[in-house]
Amino acid sequence: MKLNSGFRRLLLLSPPHARIPASFQSVSYDPERYTALLHQTQRLRGAIYLEDGAIDASRLANGRHVVESDRHSWHLLVLDAEGGICGCTRYRHHESGVQFGSLAVSESSLASCSAWGAKVRSAVDEELTLSRALDLPFVEVGGWAVAEPIRNTVEALRMVLASYALFRTFGGAVGLATATARHSSASILRRIGGRPLEYSGQSMPPYVDSQYNCRMEMLRFYSWAPNPRFDSWIAEIGREIQSTPVISGMPHELAWMNVASPVFSRQCPAESC
C-alpha cells in the first residue's frame, strides 16, 4: 500500500526561531504567505469545529479559530489539487525545563478536576522527566482538522503517521496529545502507537472537555515506538518530508497579549466518576 495520495501535497509552516533541520530541501522565508496559510488553517479549523458543535460562533475571529500556540508551533498542512488546505495538525516543541503549567494540557477539564487533576499533573511530569533524561523535546500535538472529503481515507492516517516521520527528522520526541473521539481521531492515534497517559499504572480516563464539548483522551507517544506495522510507511513519509516545502514565519518574536485561561467547572469530567 502506498501512502502518497498523488494529487494532494504536504506543506509545513515553521514558527519563528525554529531550528530547521538541514535535511529539508525546500525552505523559504515568506512572511506574507506564512500568514495567509496560517489564516487559512485557522478558517478550516473554525469551519469544521463549528459544524461539529465543538465551538460556537463567538469563539471565532472573522471565521478563524485562533489559539495562542498557533504562532509558536509547526503546522503540517495537506493541500488539495487547487492548493487549498484540506487537512491540518499542529506540533508545539517545548524547550527543556518547561513546566506543567505552561502546557496546553494543563488547561484541560481533566487537569482541573478535583478527582483527577493531581494525577494528570504527576503523569505529565513523568513524561517531562523522560524527555529531559533522553535530551529530547517535549511536543504537544493538537489542532487536528480534516475536511469531509478526506475523512476516513488514507489521508487522515497519513497525517498521523507524518507526526512520527516529522519528529524522527528532528531527532526524536516525547509527545502528548489530547485527542477527540470525533471522526475516530483518538482511535487512529491509538492504532498507530499512541498510549493512554498513565500514573502509577493507572490510565487517565476519557473525559468530556468543556472547551470543545466533546469526549477526549490523553495519549502519549514516543517517536521511536510506533506500532511496528507502520514502520515502512513512516519511513516512506519521512523521505517525502525531506522535499516538503517549509514556509518560515516571522524571524522576530511577536508580542502577545496575556490570554486568561478558561474557567472550568469543578464538576469532574471523567467518564469513570
C-alpha atoms as a PDB file:
ATOM      1  CA  MET A   1       0.000   0.000   0.000  1.00  0.00           C
ATOM      2  CA  LYS A   2       1.341   3.423  -0.990  1.00  0.00           C
ATOM      3  CA  LEU A   3       0.547   6.388   1.226  1.00  0.00           C
ATOM      4  CA  ASN A   4       1.395   9.053  -1.336  1.00  0.00           C
ATOM      5  CA  SER A   5      -2.022  10.308  -2.432  1.00  0.00           C
ATOM      6  CA  GLY A   6      -0.809  11.736  -5.730  1.00  0.00           C
ATOM      7  CA  PHE A   7      -2.731  14.963  -6.189  1.00  0.00           C
ATOM      8  CA  ARG A   8      -2.517  16.006  -2.522  1.00  0.00           C
ATOM      9  CA  ARG A   9       0.659  17.590  -1.228  1.00  0.00           C
ATOM     10  CA  LEU A  10       2.113  18.275   2.199  1.00  0.00           C
ATOM     11  CA  LEU A  11       3.393  21.650   3.350  1.00  0.00           C
ATOM     12  CA  LEU A  12       4.979  22.774   6.622  1.00  0.00           C
ATOM     13  CA  LEU A  13       4.723  26.118   8.408  1.00  0.00           C
ATOM     14  CA  SER A  14       7.699  26.837  10.646  1.00  0.00           C
ATOM     15  CA  PRO A  15       7.353  29.081  13.713  1.00  0.00           C
ATOM     16  CA  PRO A  16       9.730  31.986  14.473  1.00  0.00           C
ATOM     17  CA  HIS A  17      13.237  30.995  15.544  1.00  0.00           C
ATOM     18  CA  ALA A  18      12.589  27.309  14.839  1.00  0.00           C
ATOM     19  CA  ARG A  19      15.574  25.029  14.342  1.00  0.00           C
ATOM     20  CA  ILE A  20      15.016  23.809  10.800  1.00  0.00           C
ATOM     21  CA  PRO A  21      16.900  20.583  10.011  1.00  0.00           C
ATOM     22  CA  ALA A  22      19.397  20.863   7.169  1.00  0.00           C
ATOM     23  CA  SER A  23      17.780  17.793   5.596  1.00  0.00           C
ATOM     24  CA  PHE A  24      14.803  19.889   4.471  1.00  0.00           C
ATOM     25  CA  GLN A  25      15.414  20.663   0.818  1.00  0.00           C
ATOM     26  CA  SER A  26      12.895  23.460   0.211  1.00  0.00           C
ATOM     27  CA  VAL A  27      12.838  26.189   2.882  1.00  0.00           C
ATOM     28  CA  SER A  28      11.679  29.717   2.138  1.00  0.00           C
ATOM     29  CA  TYR A  29      11.203  32.839   4.244  1.00  0.00           C
ATOM     30  CA  ASP A  30       7.904  34.409   3.176  1.00  0.00           C
ATOM     31  CA  PRO A  31       6.036  36.220   5.978  1.00  0.00           C
ATOM     32  CA  GLU A  32       3.049  37.125   3.822  1.00  0.00           C
ATOM     33  CA  ARG A  33       2.479  33.592   2.580  1.00  0.00           C
ATOM     34  CA  TYR A  34       3.083  32.207   6.069  1.00  0.00           C
ATOM     35  CA  THR A  35       0.389  34.487   7.499  1.00  0.00           C
ATOM     36  CA  ALA A  36      -2.037  33.733   4.666  1.00  0.00           C
ATOM     37  CA  LEU A  37      -1.605  29.974   5.113  1.00  0.00           C
ATOM     38  CA  LEU A  38      -1.941  30.200   8.887  1.00  0.00           C
ATOM     39  CA  HIS A  39      -5.184  32.166   8.484  1.00  0.00           C
ATOM     40  CA  GLN A  40      -6.488  29.549   6.018  1.00  0.00           C
ATOM     41  CA  THR A  41      -5.602  26.836   8.510  1.00  0.00           C
ATOM     42  CA  GLN A  42      -7.491  28.634  11.275  1.00  0.00           C
ATOM     43  CA  ARG A  43     -10.517  29.081   8.990  1.00  0.00           C
ATOM     44  CA  LEU A  44     -10.537  25.362   8.187  1.00  0.00           C
ATOM     45  CA  ARG A  45     -10.418  24.504  11.882  1.00  0.00           C
ATOM     46  CA  GLY A  46     -13.090  27.072  12.651  1.00  0.00           C
ATOM     47  CA  ALA A  47     -15.471  25.768   9.996  1.00  0.00           C
ATOM     48  CA  ILE A  48     -15.013  22.120  10.998  1.00  0.00           C
ATOM     49  CA  TYR A  49     -15.218  22.735  14.747  1.00  0.00           C
ATOM     50  CA  LEU A  50     -18.315  24.906  14.284  1.00  0.00           C
ATOM     51  CA  GLU A  51     -20.013  22.280  12.128  1.00  0.00           C
ATOM     52  CA  ASP A  52     -19.188  19.577  14.677  1.00  0.00           C
ATOM     53  CA  GLY A  53     -20.678  21.625  17.515  1.00  0.00           C
ATOM     54  CA  ALA A  54     -17.312  21.743  19.281  1.00  0.00           C
ATOM     55  CA  ILE A  55     -17.457  25.552  19.443  1.00  0.00           C
ATOM     56  CA  ASP A  56     -19.966  28.291  18.759  1.00  0.00           C
ATOM     57  CA  ALA A  57     -19.523  31.315  16.523  1.00  0.00           C
ATOM     58  CA  SER A  58     -18.432  33.507  19.440  1.00  0.00           C
ATOM     59  CA  ARG A  59     -15.155  31.532  19.593  1.00  0.00           C
ATOM     60  CA  LEU A  60     -14.213  32.597  16.049  1.00  0.00           C
ATOM     61  CA  ALA A  61     -12.361  35.707  14.891  1.00  0.00           C
ATOM     62  CA  ASN A  62     -13.557  36.517  11.368  1.00  0.00           C
ATOM     63  CA  GLY A  63     -14.238  32.819  10.889  1.00  0.00           C
ATOM     64  CA  ARG A  64     -10.841  31.772  12.244  1.00  0.00           C
ATOM     65  CA  HIS A  65     -10.265  29.504  15.237  1.00  0.00           C
ATOM     66  CA  VAL A  66      -7.253  31.174  16.838  1.00  0.00           C
ATOM     67  CA  VAL A  67      -5.272  29.811  19.782  1.00  0.00           C
ATOM     68  CA  GLU A  68      -2.184  31.305  21.412  1.00  0.00           C
ATOM     69  CA  SER A  69       0.050  28.381  20.482  1.00  0.00           C
ATOM     70  CA  ASP A  70      -0.587  28.658  16.723  1.00  0.00           C
ATOM     71  CA  ARG A  71       2.291  31.036  16.031  1.00  0.00           C
ATOM     72  CA  HIS A  72       4.642  29.093  18.308  1.00  0.00           C
ATOM     73  CA  SER A  73       4.005  25.765  16.584  1.00  0.00           C
ATOM     74  CA  TRP A  74       4.837  23.828  13.477  1.00  0.00           C
ATOM     75  CA  HIS A  75       1.815  23.162  11.266  1.00  0.00           C
ATOM     76  CA  LEU A  76       1.564  20.240   8.875  1.00  0.00           C
ATOM     77  CA  LEU A  77      -0.899  21.042   6.092  1.00  0.00           C
ATOM     78  CA  VAL A  78      -2.470  18.867   3.418  1.00  0.00           C
ATOM     79  CA  LEU A  79      -3.174  20.722   0.172  1.00  0.00           C
ATOM     80  CA  ASP A  80      -5.687  19.633  -2.447  1.00  0.00           C
ATOM     81  CA  ALA A  81      -5.235  19.833  -6.211  1.00  0.00           C
ATOM     82  CA  GLU A  82      -6.182  23.540  -6.228  1.00  0.00           C
ATOM     83  CA  GLY A  83      -3.771  24.396  -3.407  1.00  0.00           C
ATOM     84  CA  GLY A  84      -6.479  24.731  -0.782  1.00  0.00           C
ATOM     85  CA  ILE A  85      -5.941  23.359   2.721  1.00  0.00           C
ATOM     86  CA  CYS A  86      -7.990  20.220   3.379  1.00  0.00           C
ATOM     87  CA  GLY A  87      -6.214  18.952   6.491  1.00  0.00           C
ATOM     88  CA  CYS A  88      -4.009  20.303   9.275  1.00  0.00           C
ATOM     89  CA  THR A  89      -2.393  19.472  12.565  1.00  0.00           C
ATOM     90  CA  ARG A  90      -0.204  21.439  14.976  1.00  0.00           C
ATOM     91  CA  TYR A  91       3.028  20.490  16.780  1.00  0.00           C
ATOM     92  CA  ARG A  92       4.463  22.642  19.548  1.00  0.00           C
ATOM     93  CA  HIS A  93       8.031  21.906  20.593  1.00  0.00           C
ATOM     94  CA  HIS A  94       8.670  22.943  24.195  1.00  0.00           C
ATOM     95  CA  GLU A  95      12.073  23.932  25.473  1.00  0.00           C
ATOM     96  CA  SER A  96      13.829  21.753  28.032  1.00  0.00           C
ATOM     97  CA  GLY A  97      12.655  22.664  31.503  1.00  0.00           C
ATOM     98  CA  VAL A  98       9.092  23.547  30.533  1.00  0.00           C
ATOM     99  CA  GLN A  99       6.721  23.196  33.468  1.00  0.00           C
ATOM    100  CA  PHE A 100       3.274  21.631  33.566  1.00  0.00           C
ATOM    101  CA  GLY A 101       1.524  24.988  33.960  1.00  0.00           C
ATOM    102  CA  SER A 102       2.915  26.162  30.613  1.00  0.00           C
ATOM    103  CA  LEU A 103       1.408  23.250  28.680  1.00  0.00           C
ATOM    104  CA  ALA A 104      -1.940  23.257  26.905  1.00  0.00           C
ATOM    105  CA  VAL A 105      -2.866  20.031  28.712  1.00  0.00           C
ATOM    106  CA  SER A 106      -2.838  21.965  31.993  1.00  0.00           C
ATOM    107  CA  GLU A 107      -5.946  23.834  30.770  1.00  0.00           C
ATOM    108  CA  SER A 108      -7.921  20.670  30.066  1.00  0.00           C
ATOM    109  CA  SER A 109     -11.032  19.829  32.037  1.00  0.00           C
ATOM    110  CA  LEU A 110      -9.437  16.685  33.462  1.00  0.00           C
ATOM    111  CA  ALA A 111      -6.442  18.645  34.753  1.00  0.00           C
ATOM    112  CA  SER A 112      -8.898  20.940  36.569  1.00  0.00           C
ATOM    113  CA  CYS A 113     -10.836  18.042  38.085  1.00  0.00           C
ATOM    114  CA  SER A 114     -10.554  17.572  41.850  1.00  0.00           C
ATOM    115  CA  ALA A 115     -10.512  13.781  41.478  1.00  0.00           C
ATOM    116  CA  TRP A 116      -8.001  13.504  38.625  1.00  0.00           C
ATOM    117  CA  GLY A 117      -6.132  16.800  38.391  1.00  0.00           C
ATOM    118  CA  ALA A 118      -3.205  15.836  40.648  1.00  0.00           C
ATOM    119  CA  LYS A 119      -2.812  12.507  38.821  1.00  0.00           C
ATOM    120  CA  VAL A 120      -2.782  14.244  35.437  1.00  0.00           C
ATOM    121  CA  ARG A 121      -0.057  16.592  36.616  1.00  0.00           C
ATOM    122  CA  SER A 122       2.049  13.750  38.034  1.00  0.00           C
ATOM    123  CA  ALA A 123       1.617  11.692  34.856  1.00  0.00           C
ATOM    124  CA  VAL A 124       2.657  14.603  32.641  1.00  0.00           C
ATOM    125  CA  ASP A 125       5.601  15.367  34.922  1.00  0.00           C
ATOM    126  CA  GLU A 126       6.821  11.801  34.363  1.00  0.00           C
ATOM    127  CA  GLU A 127       6.737  12.366  30.600  1.00  0.00           C
ATOM    128  CA  LEU A 128       8.610  15.666  31.011  1.00  0.00           C
ATOM    129  CA  THR A 129      11.228  13.881  33.112  1.00  0.00           C
ATOM    130  CA  LEU A 130      11.610  11.257  30.387  1.00  0.00           C
ATOM    131  CA  SER A 131      12.114  13.907  27.684  1.00  0.00           C
ATOM    132  CA  ARG A 132      14.813  15.594  29.769  1.00  0.00           C
ATOM    133  CA  ALA A 133      16.533  12.299  30.569  1.00  0.00           C
ATOM    134  CA  LEU A 134      16.665  11.459  26.856  1.00  0.00           C
ATOM    135  CA  ASP A 135      17.524  15.038  25.881  1.00  0.00           C
ATOM    136  CA  LEU A 136      14.555  15.086  23.507  1.00  0.00           C
ATOM    137  CA  PRO A 137      11.972  17.825  23.002  1.00  0.00           C
ATOM    138  CA  PHE A 138       8.572  17.520  24.600  1.00  0.00           C
ATOM    139  CA  VAL A 139       5.896  18.047  21.964  1.00  0.00           C
ATOM    140  CA  GLU A 140       2.193  18.743  22.266  1.00  0.00           C
ATOM    141  CA  VAL A 141       0.074  17.732  19.284  1.00  0.00           C
ATOM    142  CA  GLY A 142      -3.255  19.401  18.581  1.00  0.00           C
ATOM    143  CA  GLY A 143      -5.369  21.345  16.145  1.00  0.00           C
ATOM    144  CA  TRP A 144      -6.165  18.285  14.051  1.00  0.00           C
ATOM    145  CA  ALA A 145      -8.846  19.057  11.461  1.00  0.00           C
ATOM    146  CA  VAL A 146      -9.696  17.090   8.334  1.00  0.00           C
ATOM    147  CA  ALA A 147     -12.154  18.242   5.674  1.00  0.00           C
ATOM    148  CA  GLU A 148     -15.052  15.887   4.980  1.00  0.00           C
ATOM    149  CA  PRO A 149     -13.820  14.655   1.549  1.00  0.00           C
ATOM    150  CA  ILE A 150     -10.702  13.080   3.058  1.00  0.00           C
ATOM    151  CA  ARG A 151     -12.127  11.800   6.339  1.00  0.00           C
ATOM    152  CA  ASN A 152     -11.895   8.057   6.813  1.00  0.00           C
ATOM    153  CA  THR A 153      -9.381   7.883   3.974  1.00  0.00           C
ATOM    154  CA  VAL A 154      -5.698   7.058   3.815  1.00  0.00           C
ATOM    155  CA  GLU A 155      -5.029  10.814   4.002  1.00  0.00           C
ATOM    156  CA  ALA A 156      -6.157  11.031   7.624  1.00  0.00           C
ATOM    157  CA  LEU A 157      -3.899   8.112   8.510  1.00  0.00           C
ATOM    158  CA  ARG A 158      -1.034   9.677   6.564  1.00  0.00           C
ATOM    159  CA  MET A 159      -1.324  12.889   8.604  1.00  0.00           C
ATOM    160  CA  VAL A 160      -0.885  10.982  11.858  1.00  0.00           C
ATOM    161  CA  LEU A 161       1.974   8.853  10.547  1.00  0.00           C
ATOM    162  CA  ALA A 162       3.632  12.076   9.406  1.00  0.00           C
ATOM    163  CA  SER A 163       3.894  13.034  13.086  1.00  0.00           C
ATOM    164  CA  TYR A 164       6.319  10.196  13.698  1.00  0.00           C
ATOM    165  CA  ALA A 165       8.201  10.918  10.475  1.00  0.00           C
ATOM    166  CA  LEU A 166       8.499  14.607  11.325  1.00  0.00           C
ATOM    167  CA  PHE A 167       9.723  14.005  14.869  1.00  0.00           C
ATOM    168  CA  ARG A 168      12.289  11.496  13.654  1.00  0.00           C
ATOM    169  CA  THR A 169      13.519  14.182  11.255  1.00  0.00           C
ATOM    170  CA  PHE A 170      14.011  16.429  14.275  1.00  0.00           C
ATOM    171  CA  GLY A 171      15.943  13.704  16.078  1.00  0.00           C
ATOM    172  CA  GLY A 172      13.087  12.286  18.162  1.00  0.00           C
ATOM    173  CA  ALA A 173      10.460  13.479  20.617  1.00  0.00           C
ATOM    174  CA  VAL A 174       8.334  12.602  23.606  1.00  0.00           C
ATOM    175  CA  GLY A 175       4.809  13.667  22.772  1.00  0.00           C
ATOM    176  CA  LEU A 176       1.376  14.213  24.243  1.00  0.00           C
ATOM    177  CA  ALA A 177      -1.959  14.652  22.507  1.00  0.00           C
ATOM    178  CA  THR A 178      -5.420  15.424  23.798  1.00  0.00           C
ATOM    179  CA  ALA A 179      -7.381  13.608  21.117  1.00  0.00           C
ATOM    180  CA  THR A 180     -11.087  13.791  20.394  1.00  0.00           C
ATOM    181  CA  ALA A 181     -13.254  10.766  19.737  1.00  0.00           C
ATOM    182  CA  ARG A 182     -14.864  12.668  16.850  1.00  0.00           C
ATOM    183  CA  HIS A 183     -14.074  11.298  13.401  1.00  0.00           C
ATOM    184  CA  SER A 184     -12.131   8.432  15.086  1.00  0.00           C
ATOM    185  CA  SER A 185      -9.170  10.725  15.845  1.00  0.00           C
ATOM    186  CA  ALA A 186      -8.287   9.107  19.172  1.00  0.00           C
ATOM    187  CA  SER A 187      -8.728   5.568  17.839  1.00  0.00           C
ATOM    188  CA  ILE A 188      -6.440   6.298  14.870  1.00  0.00           C
ATOM    189  CA  LEU A 189      -3.771   7.655  17.223  1.00  0.00           C
ATOM    190  CA  ARG A 190      -4.034   4.593  19.431  1.00  0.00           C
ATOM    191  CA  ARG A 191      -3.856   2.268  16.445  1.00  0.00           C
ATOM    192  CA  ILE A 192      -0.530   3.661  15.280  1.00  0.00           C
ATOM    193  CA  GLY A 193       1.124   3.727  18.687  1.00  0.00           C
ATOM    194  CA  GLY A 194      -0.487   6.284  20.986  1.00  0.00           C
ATOM    195  CA  ARG A 195      -0.768   5.049  24.556  1.00  0.00           C
ATOM    196  CA  PRO A 196      -3.025   6.289  27.377  1.00  0.00           C
ATOM    197  CA  LEU A 197      -1.324   8.701  29.734  1.00  0.00           C
ATOM    198  CA  GLU A 198      -0.619   6.822  32.954  1.00  0.00           C
ATOM    199  CA  TYR A 199       0.354   7.444  36.555  1.00  0.00           C
ATOM    200  CA  SER A 200       1.351   4.559  38.846  1.00  0.00           C
ATOM    201  CA  GLY A 201      -0.090   2.094  36.352  1.00  0.00           C
ATOM    202  CA  GLN A 202      -3.452   3.869  36.211  1.00  0.00           C
ATOM    203  CA  SER A 203      -4.596   5.233  32.862  1.00  0.00           C
ATOM    204  CA  MET A 204      -6.167   8.658  32.720  1.00  0.00           C
ATOM    205  CA  PRO A 205      -9.836   8.133  31.801  1.00  0.00           C
ATOM    206  CA  PRO A 206     -11.680   9.558  28.802  1.00  0.00           C
ATOM    207  CA  TYR A 207     -13.348  12.813  29.762  1.00  0.00           C
ATOM    208  CA  VAL A 208     -15.759  15.403  28.445  1.00  0.00           C
ATOM    209  CA  ASP A 209     -13.858  18.554  27.560  1.00  0.00           C
ATOM    210  CA  SER A 210     -15.647  21.772  28.463  1.00  0.00           C
ATOM    211  CA  GLN A 211     -13.756  23.850  25.880  1.00  0.00           C
ATOM    212  CA  TYR A 212     -14.818  21.766  22.887  1.00  0.00           C
ATOM    213  CA  ASN A 213     -17.902  19.933  24.133  1.00  0.00           C
ATOM    214  CA  CYS A 214     -16.605  16.510  23.184  1.00  0.00           C
ATOM    215  CA  ARG A 215     -15.171  13.282  24.550  1.00  0.00           C
ATOM    216  CA  MET A 216     -11.384  13.399  24.758  1.00  0.00           C
ATOM    217  CA  GLU A 217      -8.485  11.101  25.622  1.00  0.00           C
ATOM    218  CA  MET A 218      -4.971  11.950  26.794  1.00  0.00           C
ATOM    219  CA  LEU A 219      -2.462   9.956  24.787  1.00  0.00           C
ATOM    220  CA  ARG A 220       1.333   9.852  24.988  1.00  0.00           C
ATOM    221  CA  PHE A 221       3.588   8.759  22.164  1.00  0.00           C
ATOM    222  CA  TYR A 222       7.274   8.240  21.513  1.00  0.00           C
ATOM    223  CA  SER A 223       8.850   8.875  18.123  1.00  0.00           C
ATOM    224  CA  TRP A 224      10.893   5.665  18.353  1.00  0.00           C
ATOM    225  CA  ALA A 225       7.992   3.367  19.292  1.00  0.00           C
ATOM    226  CA  PRO A 226       5.094   3.408  16.830  1.00  0.00           C
ATOM    227  CA  ASN A 227       3.125   0.299  16.038  1.00  0.00           C
ATOM    228  CA  PRO A 228       5.723  -1.775  14.077  1.00  0.00           C
ATOM    229  CA  ARG A 229       3.272  -2.493  11.273  1.00  0.00           C
ATOM    230  CA  PHE A 230       3.548   1.183  10.247  1.00  0.00           C
ATOM    231  CA  ASP A 231       7.363   1.447  10.252  1.00  0.00           C
ATOM    232  CA  SER A 232       7.754   1.190   6.489  1.00  0.00           C
ATOM    233  CA  TRP A 233       5.022   3.752   5.882  1.00  0.00           C
ATOM    234  CA  ILE A 234       6.611   6.182   8.330  1.00  0.00           C
ATOM    235  CA  ALA A 235       9.927   5.741   6.510  1.00  0.00           C
ATOM    236  CA  GLU A 236       8.175   6.448   3.204  1.00  0.00           C
ATOM    237  CA  ILE A 237       6.600   9.636   4.551  1.00  0.00           C
ATOM    238  CA  GLY A 238       9.937  10.599   6.094  1.00  0.00           C
ATOM    239  CA  ARG A 239      11.518  10.594   2.651  1.00  0.00           C
ATOM    240  CA  GLU A 240       8.637  12.683   1.325  1.00  0.00           C
ATOM    241  CA  ILE A 241       9.013  15.210   4.144  1.00  0.00           C
ATOM    242  CA  GLN A 242      12.604  15.929   3.110  1.00  0.00           C
ATOM    243  CA  SER A 243      11.292  17.601  -0.050  1.00  0.00           C
ATOM    244  CA  THR A 244       8.144  19.077   1.509  1.00  0.00           C
ATOM    245  CA  PRO A 245       8.131  22.891   1.211  1.00  0.00           C
ATOM    246  CA  VAL A 246       8.750  24.674   4.507  1.00  0.00           C
ATOM    247  CA  ILE A 247       7.445  28.221   4.827  1.00  0.00           C
ATOM    248  CA  SER A 248       9.238  30.129   7.583  1.00  0.00           C
ATOM    249  CA  GLY A 249       7.358  32.630   9.734  1.00  0.00           C
ATOM    250  CA  MET A 250       8.490  35.949  11.151  1.00  0.00           C
ATOM    251  CA  PRO A 251      12.167  35.949  12.181  1.00  0.00           C
ATOM    252  CA  HIS A 252      11.488  38.101  15.250  1.00  0.00           C
ATOM    253  CA  GLU A 253       9.497  37.478  18.408  1.00  0.00           C
ATOM    254  CA  LEU A 254       5.932  38.729  18.306  1.00  0.00           C
ATOM    255  CA  ALA A 255       4.410  40.486  21.297  1.00  0.00           C
ATOM    256  CA  TRP A 256       1.488  38.502  22.631  1.00  0.00           C
ATOM    257  CA  MET A 257      -1.151  39.793  25.000  1.00  0.00           C
ATOM    258  CA  ASN A 258      -1.696  37.677  28.066  1.00  0.00           C
ATOM    259  CA  VAL A 259      -4.609  35.319  27.494  1.00  0.00           C
ATOM    260  CA  ALA A 260      -6.544  34.292  30.568  1.00  0.00           C
ATOM    261  CA  SER A 261      -7.113  30.565  30.970  1.00  0.00           C
ATOM    262  CA  PRO A 262     -10.748  29.448  30.729  1.00  0.00           C
ATOM    263  CA  VAL A 263     -12.570  28.908  33.999  1.00  0.00           C
ATOM    264  CA  PHE A 264     -13.713  25.324  34.287  1.00  0.00           C
ATOM    265  CA  SER A 265     -16.463  23.814  36.330  1.00  0.00           C
ATOM    266  CA  ARG A 266     -15.188  21.843  39.288  1.00  0.00           C
ATOM    267  CA  GLN A 267     -17.585  19.013  38.401  1.00  0.00           C
ATOM    268  CA  CYS A 268     -15.419  16.049  37.456  1.00  0.00           C
ATOM    269  CA  PRO A 269     -15.483  15.456  33.678  1.00  0.00           C
ATOM    270  CA  ALA A 270     -14.041  11.950  33.824  1.00  0.00           C
ATOM    271  CA  GLU A 271     -16.373   9.299  32.477  1.00  0.00           C
ATOM    272  CA  SER A 272     -15.267   6.888  35.215  1.00  0.00           C
ATOM    273  CA  CYS A 273     -16.521   9.143  38.033  1.00  0.00           C
END
